[in-house]
């Protein structure tokens, strides 16, 4: 199960990474940068222009409710001092058999205390 445990640990953030993830996860919206020429493709959607640059624009839209809740719990755990937290879409592996997918968990948190 060595390869599976690597896949799992690759989906974890620690220390300084937690701080940068905390900044993104504590927002109530998601952002996306697109080329200005693609802007008409986003008309009539939830995406709105947040910033304009020379050749691109930054669009934003509200996070879905489930993502807001998950991010709120994640940020609480991060602020409580957990030293290892999950990235989005983490899966808990069951077996080495690649035909059996892992079970998705919303949040994983661990601290360094025994």
PDB file of N, CA and C in Angstrom:
ATOM      1  N   UNK A   1       0.808  -1.199   0.000  1.00  0.00           N
ATOM      2  CA  UNK A   1       0.000   0.000   0.000  1.00  0.00           C
ATOM      3  C   UNK A   1       0.848   1.258   0.000  1.00  0.00           C
ATOM      4  N   UNK A   2       2.123   1.145  -0.330  1.00  0.00           N
ATOM      5  CA  UNK A   2       3.006   2.301  -0.340  1.00  0.00           C
ATOM      6  C   UNK A   2       2.548   3.381  -1.303  1.00  0.00           C
ATOM      7  N   UNK A   3       2.163   2.992  -2.518  1.00  0.00           N
ATOM      8  CA  UNK A   3       1.723   3.963  -3.514  1.00  0.00           C
ATOM      9  C   UNK A   3       0.443   4.676  -3.074  1.00  0.00           C
ATOM     10  N   UNK A   4      -0.471   3.933  -2.453  1.00  0.00           N
ATOM     11  CA  UNK A   4      -1.721   4.533  -1.982  1.00  0.00           C
ATOM     12  C   UNK A   4      -1.471   5.532  -0.866  1.00  0.00           C
ATOM     13  N   UNK A   5      -0.544   5.206   0.030  1.00  0.00           N
ATOM     14  CA  UNK A   5      -0.279   6.147   1.118  1.00  0.00           C
ATOM     15  C   UNK A   5       0.384   7.408   0.578  1.00  0.00           C
ATOM     16  N   UNK A   6       1.176   7.287  -0.487  1.00  0.00           N
ATOM     17  CA  UNK A   6       1.754   8.483  -1.121  1.00  0.00           C
ATOM     18  C   UNK A   6       0.660   9.343  -1.736  1.00  0.00           C
ATOM     19  N   UNK A   7      -0.313   8.706  -2.395  1.00  0.00           N
ATOM     20  CA  UNK A   7      -1.432   9.456  -2.971  1.00  0.00           C
ATOM     21  C   UNK A   7      -2.177  10.211  -1.880  1.00  0.00           C
ATOM     22  N   UNK A   8      -2.357   9.576  -0.727  1.00  0.00           N
ATOM     23  CA  UNK A   8      -3.060  10.209   0.385  1.00  0.00           C
ATOM     24  C   UNK A   8      -2.244  11.371   0.938  1.00  0.00           C
ATOM     25  N   UNK A   9      -0.957  11.162   1.192  1.00  0.00           N
ATOM     26  CA  UNK A   9      -0.140  12.225   1.779  1.00  0.00           C
ATOM     27  C   UNK A   9       0.083  13.379   0.805  1.00  0.00           C
ATOM     28  N   UNK A  10      -0.004  13.120  -0.491  1.00  0.00           N
ATOM     29  CA  UNK A  10       0.113  14.208  -1.473  1.00  0.00           C
ATOM     30  C   UNK A  10      -1.083  15.158  -1.397  1.00  0.00           C
ATOM     31  N   UNK A  11      -2.175  14.716  -0.795  1.00  0.00           N
ATOM     32  CA  UNK A  11      -3.380  15.534  -0.673  1.00  0.00           C
ATOM     33  C   UNK A  11      -3.463  16.217   0.694  1.00  0.00           C
ATOM     34  N   UNK A  12      -2.325  16.335   1.384  1.00  0.00           N
ATOM     35  CA  UNK A  12      -2.296  16.983   2.690  1.00  0.00           C
ATOM     36  C   UNK A  12      -1.471  18.256   2.626  1.00  0.00           C
ATOM     37  N   UNK A  13      -1.837  19.242   3.445  1.00  0.00           N
ATOM     38  CA  UNK A  13      -1.070  20.483   3.545  1.00  0.00           C
ATOM     39  C   UNK A  13      -0.550  20.620   4.970  1.00  0.00           C
ATOM     40  N   UNK A  14       0.623  21.223   5.081  1.00  0.00           N
ATOM     41  CA  UNK A  14       1.247  21.405   6.389  1.00  0.00           C
ATOM     42  C   UNK A  14       1.826  22.803   6.496  1.00  0.00           C
ATOM     43  N   UNK A  15       1.982  23.266   7.716  1.00  0.00           N
ATOM     44  CA  UNK A  15       2.697  24.486   8.085  1.00  0.00           C
ATOM     45  C   UNK A  15       2.372  25.692   7.200  1.00  0.00           C
ATOM     46  N   UNK A  16       3.365  26.159   6.415  1.00  0.00           N
ATOM     47  CA  UNK A  16       3.188  27.379   5.613  1.00  0.00           C
ATOM     48  C   UNK A  16       2.090  27.219   4.567  1.00  0.00           C
ATOM     49  N   UNK A  17       1.941  26.005   4.043  1.00  0.00           N
ATOM     50  CA  UNK A  17       0.887  25.747   3.061  1.00  0.00           C
ATOM     51  C   UNK A  17      -0.490  25.965   3.671  1.00  0.00           C
ATOM     52  N   UNK A  18      -0.621  25.673   4.963  1.00  0.00           N
ATOM     53  CA  UNK A  18      -1.904  25.874   5.645  1.00  0.00           C
ATOM     54  C   UNK A  18      -2.267  27.346   5.625  1.00  0.00           C
ATOM     55  N   UNK A  19      -1.282  28.209   5.875  1.00  0.00           N
ATOM     56  CA  UNK A  19      -1.567  29.648   5.888  1.00  0.00           C
ATOM     57  C   UNK A  19      -2.061  30.146   4.548  1.00  0.00           C
ATOM     58  N   UNK A  20      -1.438  29.710   3.457  1.00  0.00           N
ATOM     59  CA  UNK A  20      -1.893  30.175   2.145  1.00  0.00           C
ATOM     60  C   UNK A  20      -3.250  29.564   1.788  1.00  0.00           C
ATOM     61  N   UNK A  21      -3.481  28.307   2.152  1.00  0.00           N
ATOM     62  CA  UNK A  21      -4.781  27.682   1.913  1.00  0.00           C
ATOM     63  C   UNK A  21      -5.861  28.348   2.756  1.00  0.00           C
ATOM     64  N   UNK A  22      -5.503  28.760   3.960  1.00  0.00           N
ATOM     65  CA  UNK A  22      -6.450  29.431   4.854  1.00  0.00           C
ATOM     66  C   UNK A  22      -6.957  30.722   4.230  1.00  0.00           C
ATOM     67  N   UNK A  23      -6.074  31.436   3.563  1.00  0.00           N
ATOM     68  CA  UNK A  23      -6.452  32.690   2.905  1.00  0.00           C
ATOM     69  C   UNK A  23      -7.504  32.420   1.816  1.00  0.00           C
ATOM     70  N   UNK A  24      -7.315  31.371   1.055  1.00  0.00           N
ATOM     71  CA  UNK A  24      -8.245  31.045  -0.033  1.00  0.00           C
ATOM     72  C   UNK A  24      -9.546  30.469   0.520  1.00  0.00           C
ATOM     73  N   UNK A  25      -9.441  29.557   1.469  1.00  0.00           N
ATOM     74  CA  UNK A  25     -10.627  28.881   1.996  1.00  0.00           C
ATOM     75  C   UNK A  25     -11.504  29.784   2.853  1.00  0.00           C
ATOM     76  N   UNK A  26     -10.965  30.869   3.389  1.00  0.00           N
ATOM     77  CA  UNK A  26     -11.780  31.746   4.225  1.00  0.00           C
ATOM     78  C   UNK A  26     -12.606  32.736   3.389  1.00  0.00           C
ATOM     79  N   UNK A  27     -12.407  32.766   2.089  1.00  0.00           N
ATOM     80  CA  UNK A  27     -13.208  33.622   1.209  1.00  0.00           C
ATOM     81  C   UNK A  27     -14.566  32.985   0.936  1.00  0.00           C
ATOM     82  N   UNK A  28     -15.547  33.814   0.656  1.00  0.00           N
ATOM     83  CA  UNK A  28     -16.890  33.307   0.359  1.00  0.00           C
ATOM     84  C   UNK A  28     -17.117  33.126  -1.148  1.00  0.00           C
ATOM     85  N   UNK A  29     -16.049  33.264  -1.926  1.00  0.00           N
ATOM     86  CA  UNK A  29     -16.167  33.154  -3.377  1.00  0.00           C
ATOM     87  C   UNK A  29     -14.965  32.414  -3.950  1.00  0.00           C
ATOM     88  N   UNK A  30     -15.106  31.968  -5.195  1.00  0.00           N
ATOM     89  CA  UNK A  30     -14.000  31.363  -5.937  1.00  0.00           C
ATOM     90  C   UNK A  30     -13.635  32.302  -7.072  1.00  0.00           C
ATOM     91  N   UNK A  31     -12.385  32.282  -7.474  1.00  0.00           N
ATOM     92  CA  UNK A  31     -11.931  33.148  -8.562  1.00  0.00           C
ATOM     93  C   UNK A  31     -11.334  32.324  -9.686  1.00  0.00           C
ATOM     94  N   UNK A  32     -11.285  32.955 -10.846  1.00  0.00           N
ATOM     95  CA  UNK A  32     -10.752  32.313 -12.042  1.00  0.00           C
ATOM     96  C   UNK A  32     -10.217  33.413 -12.941  1.00  0.00           C
ATOM     97  N   UNK A  33      -9.024  33.243 -13.478  1.00  0.00           N
ATOM     98  CA  UNK A  33      -8.455  34.206 -14.420  1.00  0.00           C
ATOM     99  C   UNK A  33      -8.614  33.662 -15.833  1.00  0.00           C
ATOM    100  N   UNK A  34      -9.182  34.489 -16.716  1.00  0.00           N
ATOM    101  CA  UNK A  34      -9.392  34.070 -18.105  1.00  0.00           C
ATOM    102  C   UNK A  34      -8.930  35.172 -19.052  1.00  0.00           C
ATOM    103  N   UNK A  35      -8.622  34.779 -20.255  1.00  0.00           N
ATOM    104  CA  UNK A  35      -8.262  35.715 -21.314  1.00  0.00           C
ATOM    105  C   UNK A  35      -9.472  36.608 -21.603  1.00  0.00           C
ATOM    106  N   UNK A  36      -9.235  37.898 -21.836  1.00  0.00           N
ATOM    107  CA  UNK A  36     -10.337  38.844 -22.105  1.00  0.00           C
ATOM    108  C   UNK A  36     -11.203  38.408 -23.284  1.00  0.00           C
ATOM    109  N   UNK A  37     -10.601  37.743 -24.253  1.00  0.00           N
ATOM    110  CA  UNK A  37     -11.359  37.315 -25.436  1.00  0.00           C
ATOM    111  C   UNK A  37     -12.406  36.260 -25.089  1.00  0.00           C
ATOM    112  N   UNK A  38     -12.235  35.563 -23.957  1.00  0.00           N
ATOM    113  CA  UNK A  38     -13.181  34.524 -23.558  1.00  0.00           C
ATOM    114  C   UNK A  38     -14.304  35.048 -22.667  1.00  0.00           C
ATOM    115  N   UNK A  39     -14.267  36.321 -22.337  1.00  0.00           N
ATOM    116  CA  UNK A  39     -15.261  36.918 -21.445  1.00  0.00           C
ATOM    117  C   UNK A  39     -16.708  36.704 -21.903  1.00  0.00           C
ATOM    118  N   UNK A  40     -17.022  36.809 -23.216  1.00  0.00           N
ATOM    119  CA  UNK A  40     -18.414  36.568 -23.647  1.00  0.00           C
ATOM    120  C   UNK A  40     -18.932  35.171 -23.283  1.00  0.00           C
ATOM    121  N   UNK A  41     -18.031  34.203 -23.152  1.00  0.00           N
ATOM    122  CA  UNK A  41     -18.438  32.841 -22.779  1.00  0.00           C
ATOM    123  C   UNK A  41     -19.030  32.787 -21.366  1.00  0.00           C
ATOM    124  N   UNK A  42     -18.733  33.777 -20.551  1.00  0.00           N
ATOM    125  CA  UNK A  42     -19.179  33.778 -19.157  1.00  0.00           C
ATOM    126  C   UNK A  42     -20.392  34.676 -18.914  1.00  0.00           C
ATOM    127  N   UNK A  43     -20.867  35.339 -19.945  1.00  0.00           N
ATOM    128  CA  UNK A  43     -22.058  36.177 -19.810  1.00  0.00           C
ATOM    129  C   UNK A  43     -23.266  35.289 -19.535  1.00  0.00           C
ATOM    130  N   UNK A  44     -24.111  35.731 -18.624  1.00  0.00           N
ATOM    131  CA  UNK A  44     -25.292  34.953 -18.273  1.00  0.00           C
ATOM    132  C   UNK A  44     -25.019  33.833 -17.289  1.00  0.00           C
ATOM    133  N   UNK A  45     -23.819  33.797 -16.714  1.00  0.00           N
ATOM    134  CA  UNK A  45     -23.490  32.790 -15.703  1.00  0.00           C
ATOM    135  C   UNK A  45     -23.326  33.487 -14.352  1.00  0.00           C
ATOM    136  N   UNK A  46     -22.961  32.725 -13.345  1.00  0.00           N
ATOM    137  CA  UNK A  46     -22.733  33.283 -12.006  1.00  0.00           C
ATOM    138  C   UNK A  46     -21.427  34.071 -11.917  1.00  0.00           C
ATOM    139  N   UNK A  47     -20.561  33.938 -12.915  1.00  0.00           N
ATOM    140  CA  UNK A  47     -19.261  34.608 -12.889  1.00  0.00           C
ATOM    141  C   UNK A  47     -19.432  36.100 -13.166  1.00  0.00           C
ATOM    142  N   UNK A  48     -18.784  36.936 -12.348  1.00  0.00           N
ATOM    143  CA  UNK A  48     -18.771  38.386 -12.564  1.00  0.00           C
ATOM    144  C   UNK A  48     -17.321  38.854 -12.570  1.00  0.00           C
ATOM    145  N   UNK A  49     -17.070  39.967 -13.254  1.00  0.00           N
ATOM    146  CA  UNK A  49     -15.712  40.504 -13.348  1.00  0.00           C
ATOM    147  C   UNK A  49     -15.314  41.107 -11.998  1.00  0.00           C
ATOM    148  N   UNK A  50     -14.182  40.678 -11.485  1.00  0.00           N
ATOM    149  CA  UNK A  50     -13.653  41.194 -10.219  1.00  0.00           C
ATOM    150  C   UNK A  50     -12.538  42.200 -10.488  1.00  0.00           C
ATOM    151  N   UNK A  51     -11.610  41.843 -11.399  1.00  0.00           N
ATOM    152  CA  UNK A  51     -10.492  42.728 -11.742  1.00  0.00           C
ATOM    153  C   UNK A  51     -10.218  42.620 -13.233  1.00  0.00           C
ATOM    154  N   UNK A  52      -9.761  43.718 -13.800  1.00  0.00           N
ATOM    155  CA  UNK A  52      -9.385  43.716 -15.214  1.00  0.00           C
ATOM    156  C   UNK A  52      -7.886  43.959 -15.325  1.00  0.00           C
ATOM    157  N   UNK A  53      -7.258  43.154 -16.160  1.00  0.00           N
ATOM    158  CA  UNK A  53      -5.839  43.326 -16.466  1.00  0.00           C
ATOM    159  C   UNK A  53      -5.706  43.623 -17.958  1.00  0.00           C
ATOM    160  N   UNK A  54      -4.494  43.794 -18.402  1.00  0.00           N
ATOM    161  CA  UNK A  54      -4.268  44.154 -19.792  1.00  0.00           C
ATOM    162  C   UNK A  54      -4.827  43.099 -20.762  1.00  0.00           C
ATOM    163  N   UNK A  55      -4.508  41.823 -20.533  1.00  0.00           N
ATOM    164  CA  UNK A  55      -4.938  40.771 -21.446  1.00  0.00           C
ATOM    165  C   UNK A  55      -5.895  39.765 -20.820  1.00  0.00           C
ATOM    166  N   UNK A  56      -6.161  39.902 -19.539  1.00  0.00           N
ATOM    167  CA  UNK A  56      -7.021  38.941 -18.863  1.00  0.00           C
ATOM    168  C   UNK A  56      -7.941  39.644 -17.869  1.00  0.00           C
ATOM    169  N   UNK A  57      -8.893  38.880 -17.365  1.00  0.00           N
ATOM    170  CA  UNK A  57      -9.786  39.373 -16.321  1.00  0.00           C
ATOM    171  C   UNK A  57      -9.864  38.305 -15.226  1.00  0.00           C
ATOM    172  N   UNK A  58     -10.092  38.768 -14.018  1.00  0.00           N
ATOM    173  CA  UNK A  58     -10.313  37.857 -12.899  1.00  0.00           C
ATOM    174  C   UNK A  58     -11.812  37.840 -12.646  1.00  0.00           C
ATOM    175  N   UNK A  59     -12.382  36.649 -12.741  1.00  0.00           N
ATOM    176  CA  UNK A  59     -13.806  36.473 -12.499  1.00  0.00           C
ATOM    177  C   UNK A  59     -14.000  35.874 -11.114  1.00  0.00           C
ATOM    178  N   UNK A  60     -15.150  36.118 -10.527  1.00  0.00           N
ATOM    179  CA  UNK A  60     -15.457  35.487  -9.250  1.00  0.00           C
ATOM    180  C   UNK A  60     -16.923  35.118  -9.206  1.00  0.00           C
ATOM    181  N   UNK A  61     -17.231  34.133  -8.370  1.00  0.00           N
ATOM    182  CA  UNK A  61     -18.610  33.722  -8.138  1.00  0.00           C
ATOM    183  C   UNK A  61     -18.699  33.159  -6.729  1.00  0.00           C
ATOM    184  N   UNK A  62     -19.891  33.189  -6.138  1.00  0.00           N
ATOM    185  CA  UNK A  62     -20.044  32.660  -4.786  1.00  0.00           C
ATOM    186  C   UNK A  62     -19.760  31.156  -4.741  1.00  0.00           C
ATOM    187  N   UNK A  63     -19.196  30.710  -3.636  1.00  0.00           N
ATOM    188  CA  UNK A  63     -18.988  29.275  -3.442  1.00  0.00           C
ATOM    189  C   UNK A  63     -20.349  28.618  -3.215  1.00  0.00           C
ATOM    190  N   UNK A  64     -20.486  27.362  -3.649  1.00  0.00           N
ATOM    191  CA  UNK A  64     -21.715  26.635  -3.322  1.00  0.00           C
ATOM    192  C   UNK A  64     -21.808  26.439  -1.801  1.00  0.00           C
ATOM    193  N   UNK A  65     -23.010  26.238  -1.295  1.00  0.00           N
ATOM    194  CA  UNK A  65     -23.214  26.112   0.148  1.00  0.00           C
ATOM    195  C   UNK A  65     -22.386  24.993   0.765  1.00  0.00           C
ATOM    196  N   UNK A  66     -22.332  23.825   0.089  1.00  0.00           N
ATOM    197  CA  UNK A  66     -21.572  22.707   0.647  1.00  0.00           C
ATOM    198  C   UNK A  66     -20.093  23.060   0.759  1.00  0.00           C
ATOM    199  N   UNK A  67     -19.565  23.800  -0.215  1.00  0.00           N
ATOM    200  CA  UNK A  67     -18.150  24.195  -0.181  1.00  0.00           C
ATOM    201  C   UNK A  67     -17.911  25.239   0.903  1.00  0.00           C
ATOM    202  N   UNK A  68     -18.871  26.145   1.086  1.00  0.00           N
ATOM    203  CA  UNK A  68     -18.755  27.145   2.152  1.00  0.00           C
ATOM    204  C   UNK A  68     -18.686  26.462   3.514  1.00  0.00           C
ATOM    205  N   UNK A  69     -19.555  25.469   3.732  1.00  0.00           N
ATOM    206  CA  UNK A  69     -19.576  24.765   5.009  1.00  0.00           C
ATOM    207  C   UNK A  69     -18.267  24.005   5.233  1.00  0.00           C
ATOM    208  N   UNK A  70     -17.838  23.263   4.214  1.00  0.00           N
ATOM    209  CA  UNK A  70     -16.591  22.501   4.318  1.00  0.00           C
ATOM    210  C   UNK A  70     -15.413  23.431   4.588  1.00  0.00           C
ATOM    211  N   UNK A  71     -15.341  24.540   3.886  1.00  0.00           N
ATOM    212  CA  UNK A  71     -14.241  25.490   4.083  1.00  0.00           C
ATOM    213  C   UNK A  71     -14.301  26.156   5.454  1.00  0.00           C
ATOM    214  N   UNK A  72     -15.501  26.394   5.951  1.00  0.00           N
ATOM    215  CA  UNK A  72     -15.636  26.997   7.279  1.00  0.00           C
ATOM    216  C   UNK A  72     -15.110  26.045   8.349  1.00  0.00           C
ATOM    217  N   UNK A  73     -15.470  24.773   8.255  1.00  0.00           N
ATOM    218  CA  UNK A  73     -14.965  23.780   9.211  1.00  0.00           C
ATOM    219  C   UNK A  73     -13.453  23.661   9.084  1.00  0.00           C
ATOM    220  N   UNK A  74     -12.936  23.608   7.852  1.00  0.00           N
ATOM    221  CA  UNK A  74     -11.496  23.506   7.610  1.00  0.00           C
ATOM    222  C   UNK A  74     -10.765  24.684   8.245  1.00  0.00           C
ATOM    223  N   UNK A  75     -11.286  25.898   8.071  1.00  0.00           N
ATOM    224  CA  UNK A  75     -10.605  27.079   8.628  1.00  0.00           C
ATOM    225  C   UNK A  75     -10.649  27.077  10.149  1.00  0.00           C
ATOM    226  N   UNK A  76     -11.732  26.582  10.733  1.00  0.00           N
ATOM    227  CA  UNK A  76     -11.790  26.476  12.197  1.00  0.00           C
ATOM    228  C   UNK A  76     -10.709  25.525  12.689  1.00  0.00           C
ATOM    229  N   UNK A  77     -10.567  24.373  12.043  1.00  0.00           N
ATOM    230  CA  UNK A  77      -9.541  23.407  12.436  1.00  0.00           C
ATOM    231  C   UNK A  77      -8.135  23.996  12.268  1.00  0.00           C
ATOM    232  N   UNK A  78      -7.921  24.738  11.190  1.00  0.00           N
ATOM    233  CA  UNK A  78      -6.614  25.360  10.959  1.00  0.00           C
ATOM    234  C   UNK A  78      -6.312  26.386  12.047  1.00  0.00           C
ATOM    235  N   UNK A  79      -7.298  27.173  12.410  1.00  0.00           N
ATOM    236  CA  UNK A  79      -7.098  28.191  13.450  1.00  0.00           C
ATOM    237  C   UNK A  79      -6.951  27.576  14.834  1.00  0.00           C
ATOM    238  N   UNK A  80      -7.460  26.362  15.025  1.00  0.00           N
ATOM    239  CA  UNK A  80      -7.302  25.664  16.304  1.00  0.00           C
ATOM    240  C   UNK A  80      -5.880  25.116  16.466  1.00  0.00           C
ATOM    241  N   UNK A  81      -5.104  25.108  15.377  1.00  0.00           N
ATOM    242  CA  UNK A  81      -3.712  24.702  15.469  1.00  0.00           C
ATOM    243  C   UNK A  81      -3.393  23.322  14.940  1.00  0.00           C
ATOM    244  N   UNK A  82      -4.313  22.703  14.206  1.00  0.00           N
ATOM    245  CA  UNK A  82      -3.986  21.413  13.602  1.00  0.00           C
ATOM    246  C   UNK A  82      -2.846  21.619  12.610  1.00  0.00           C
ATOM    247  N   UNK A  83      -1.870  20.729  12.643  1.00  0.00           N
ATOM    248  CA  UNK A  83      -0.644  20.919  11.863  1.00  0.00           C
ATOM    249  C   UNK A  83      -0.688  20.249  10.495  1.00  0.00           C
ATOM    250  N   UNK A  84      -1.657  19.384  10.268  1.00  0.00           N
ATOM    251  CA  UNK A  84      -1.823  18.718   8.978  1.00  0.00           C
ATOM    252  C   UNK A  84      -3.302  18.722   8.633  1.00  0.00           C
ATOM    253  N   UNK A  85      -3.624  19.238   7.462  1.00  0.00           N
ATOM    254  CA  UNK A  85      -5.013  19.298   6.996  1.00  0.00           C
ATOM    255  C   UNK A  85      -5.083  18.823   5.551  1.00  0.00           C
ATOM    256  N   UNK A  86      -6.271  18.468   5.121  1.00  0.00           N
ATOM    257  CA  UNK A  86      -6.453  17.941   3.770  1.00  0.00           C
ATOM    258  C   UNK A  86      -6.665  19.035   2.737  1.00  0.00           C
ATOM    259  N   UNK A  87      -6.259  18.714   1.520  1.00  0.00           N
ATOM    260  CA  UNK A  87      -6.621  19.518   0.358  1.00  0.00           C
ATOM    261  C   UNK A  87      -8.031  19.085  -0.052  1.00  0.00           C
ATOM    262  N   UNK A  88      -8.688  19.828  -0.925  1.00  0.00           N
ATOM    263  CA  UNK A  88     -10.011  19.383  -1.378  1.00  0.00           C
ATOM    264  C   UNK A  88      -9.942  18.051  -2.121  1.00  0.00           C
ATOM    265  N   UNK A  89     -11.043  17.326  -2.095  1.00  0.00           N
ATOM    266  CA  UNK A  89     -11.200  16.055  -2.827  1.00  0.00           C
ATOM    267  C   UNK A  89     -10.193  14.988  -2.412  1.00  0.00           C
ATOM    268  N   UNK A  90      -9.959  14.846  -1.135  1.00  0.00           N
ATOM    269  CA  UNK A  90      -9.059  13.801  -0.647  1.00  0.00           C
ATOM    270  C   UNK A  90      -9.823  12.487  -0.572  1.00  0.00           C
ATOM    271  N   UNK A  91      -9.146  11.400  -0.934  1.00  0.00           N
ATOM    272  CA  UNK A  91      -9.756  10.071  -0.881  1.00  0.00           C
ATOM    273  C   UNK A  91      -8.938   9.183   0.047  1.00  0.00           C
ATOM    274  N   UNK A  92      -9.634   8.412   0.844  1.00  0.00           N
ATOM    275  CA  UNK A  92      -9.010   7.483   1.769  1.00  0.00           C
ATOM    276  C   UNK A  92      -8.914   6.140   1.063  1.00  0.00           C
ATOM    277  N   UNK A  93      -7.697   5.652   0.794  1.00  0.00           N
ATOM    278  CA  UNK A  93      -7.555   4.399   0.037  1.00  0.00           C
ATOM    279  C   UNK A  93      -7.946   3.184   0.881  1.00  0.00           C
ATOM    280  N   UNK A  94      -8.533   2.177   0.218  1.00  0.00           N
ATOM    281  CA  UNK A  94      -8.900   0.931   0.871  1.00  0.00           C
ATOM    282  C   UNK A  94      -7.879  -0.164   0.613  1.00  0.00           C
ATOM    283  N   UNK A  95      -7.400  -0.215  -0.615  1.00  0.00           N
ATOM    284  CA  UNK A  95      -6.612  -1.363  -1.059  1.00  0.00           C
ATOM    285  C   UNK A  95      -5.671  -0.943  -2.192  1.00  0.00           C
ATOM    286  N   UNK A  96      -4.750  -1.833  -2.539  1.00  0.00           N
ATOM    287  CA  UNK A  96      -3.853  -1.590  -3.678  1.00  0.00           C
ATOM    288  C   UNK A  96      -4.567  -1.790  -5.013  1.00  0.00           C
ATOM    289  N   UNK A  97      -5.729  -2.417  -5.000  1.00  0.00           N
ATOM    290  CA  UNK A  97      -6.490  -2.674  -6.212  1.00  0.00           C
ATOM    291  C   UNK A  97      -7.013  -1.345  -6.770  1.00  0.00           C
ATOM    292  N   UNK A  98      -6.456  -0.931  -7.918  1.00  0.00           N
ATOM    293  CA  UNK A  98      -6.818   0.359  -8.500  1.00  0.00           C
ATOM    294  C   UNK A  98      -8.249   0.414  -9.026  1.00  0.00           C
ATOM    295  N   UNK A  99      -8.883  -0.757  -9.203  1.00  0.00           N
ATOM    296  CA  UNK A  99     -10.267  -0.760  -9.674  1.00  0.00           C
ATOM    297  C   UNK A  99     -11.237  -0.406  -8.547  1.00  0.00           C
ATOM    298  N   UNK A 100     -10.754  -0.416  -7.297  1.00  0.00           N
ATOM    299  CA  UNK A 100     -11.582  -0.049  -6.151  1.00  0.00           C
ATOM    300  C   UNK A 100     -11.176   1.358  -5.726  1.00  0.00           C
ATOM    301  N   UNK A 101     -12.060   2.336  -5.975  1.00  0.00           N
ATOM    302  CA  UNK A 101     -11.691   3.717  -5.627  1.00  0.00           C
ATOM    303  C   UNK A 101     -11.692   3.925  -4.120  1.00  0.00           C
ATOM    304  N   UNK A 102     -10.919   4.889  -3.694  1.00  0.00           N
ATOM    305  CA  UNK A 102     -10.916   5.245  -2.278  1.00  0.00           C
ATOM    306  C   UNK A 102     -12.203   5.962  -1.916  1.00  0.00           C
ATOM    307  N   UNK A 103     -12.449   6.067  -0.637  1.00  0.00           N
ATOM    308  CA  UNK A 103     -13.638   6.751  -0.130  1.00  0.00           C
ATOM    309  C   UNK A 103     -13.314   8.225   0.048  1.00  0.00           C
ATOM    310  N   UNK A 104     -14.093   9.101  -0.586  1.00  0.00           N
ATOM    311  CA  UNK A 104     -13.858  10.536  -0.447  1.00  0.00           C
ATOM    312  C   UNK A 104     -14.253  10.983   0.949  1.00  0.00           C
ATOM    313  N   UNK A 105     -13.366  11.762   1.562  1.00  0.00           N
ATOM    314  CA  UNK A 105     -13.687  12.380   2.844  1.00  0.00           C
ATOM    315  C   UNK A 105     -13.602  13.889   2.636  1.00  0.00           C
ATOM    316  N   UNK A 106     -14.417  14.621   3.349  1.00  0.00           N
ATOM    317  CA  UNK A 106     -14.461  16.066   3.147  1.00  0.00           C
ATOM    318  C   UNK A 106     -13.277  16.757   3.784  1.00  0.00           C
ATOM    319  N   UNK A 107     -12.940  16.375   5.014  1.00  0.00           N
ATOM    320  CA  UNK A 107     -11.847  17.046   5.725  1.00  0.00           C
ATOM    321  C   UNK A 107     -11.091  16.016   6.547  1.00  0.00           C
ATOM    322  N   UNK A 108      -9.773  16.134   6.509  1.00  0.00           N
ATOM    323  CA  UNK A 108      -8.898  15.344   7.369  1.00  0.00           C
ATOM    324  C   UNK A 108      -8.042  16.326   8.126  1.00  0.00           C
ATOM    325  N   UNK A 109      -7.921  16.121   9.443  1.00  0.00           N
ATOM    326  CA  UNK A 109      -7.079  16.997  10.261  1.00  0.00           C
ATOM    327  C   UNK A 109      -6.307  16.141  11.254  1.00  0.00           C
ATOM    328  N   UNK A 110      -5.048  16.505  11.478  1.00  0.00           N
ATOM    329  CA  UNK A 110      -4.208  15.801  12.458  1.00  0.00           C
ATOM    330  C   UNK A 110      -3.302  16.833  13.126  1.00  0.00           C
ATOM    331  N   UNK A 111      -2.939  16.534  14.362  1.00  0.00           N
ATOM    332  CA  UNK A 111      -1.971  17.409  15.028  1.00  0.00           C
ATOM    333  C   UNK A 111      -0.747  16.586  15.398  1.00  0.00           C
ATOM    334  N   UNK A 112       0.270  17.249  15.893  1.00  0.00           N
ATOM    335  CA  UNK A 112       1.544  16.579  16.157  1.00  0.00           C
ATOM    336  C   UNK A 112       1.610  15.959  17.547  1.00  0.00           C
ATOM    337  N   UNK A 113       0.582  16.166  18.363  1.00  0.00           N
ATOM    338  CA  UNK A 113       0.600  15.609  19.707  1.00  0.00           C
ATOM    339  C   UNK A 113       0.276  14.118  19.667  1.00  0.00           C
ATOM    340  N   UNK A 114       0.978  13.307  20.492  1.00  0.00           N
ATOM    341  CA  UNK A 114       0.715  11.855  20.502  1.00  0.00           C
ATOM    342  C   UNK A 114      -0.615  11.497  21.130  1.00  0.00           C
TER     343      UNK A 114
END
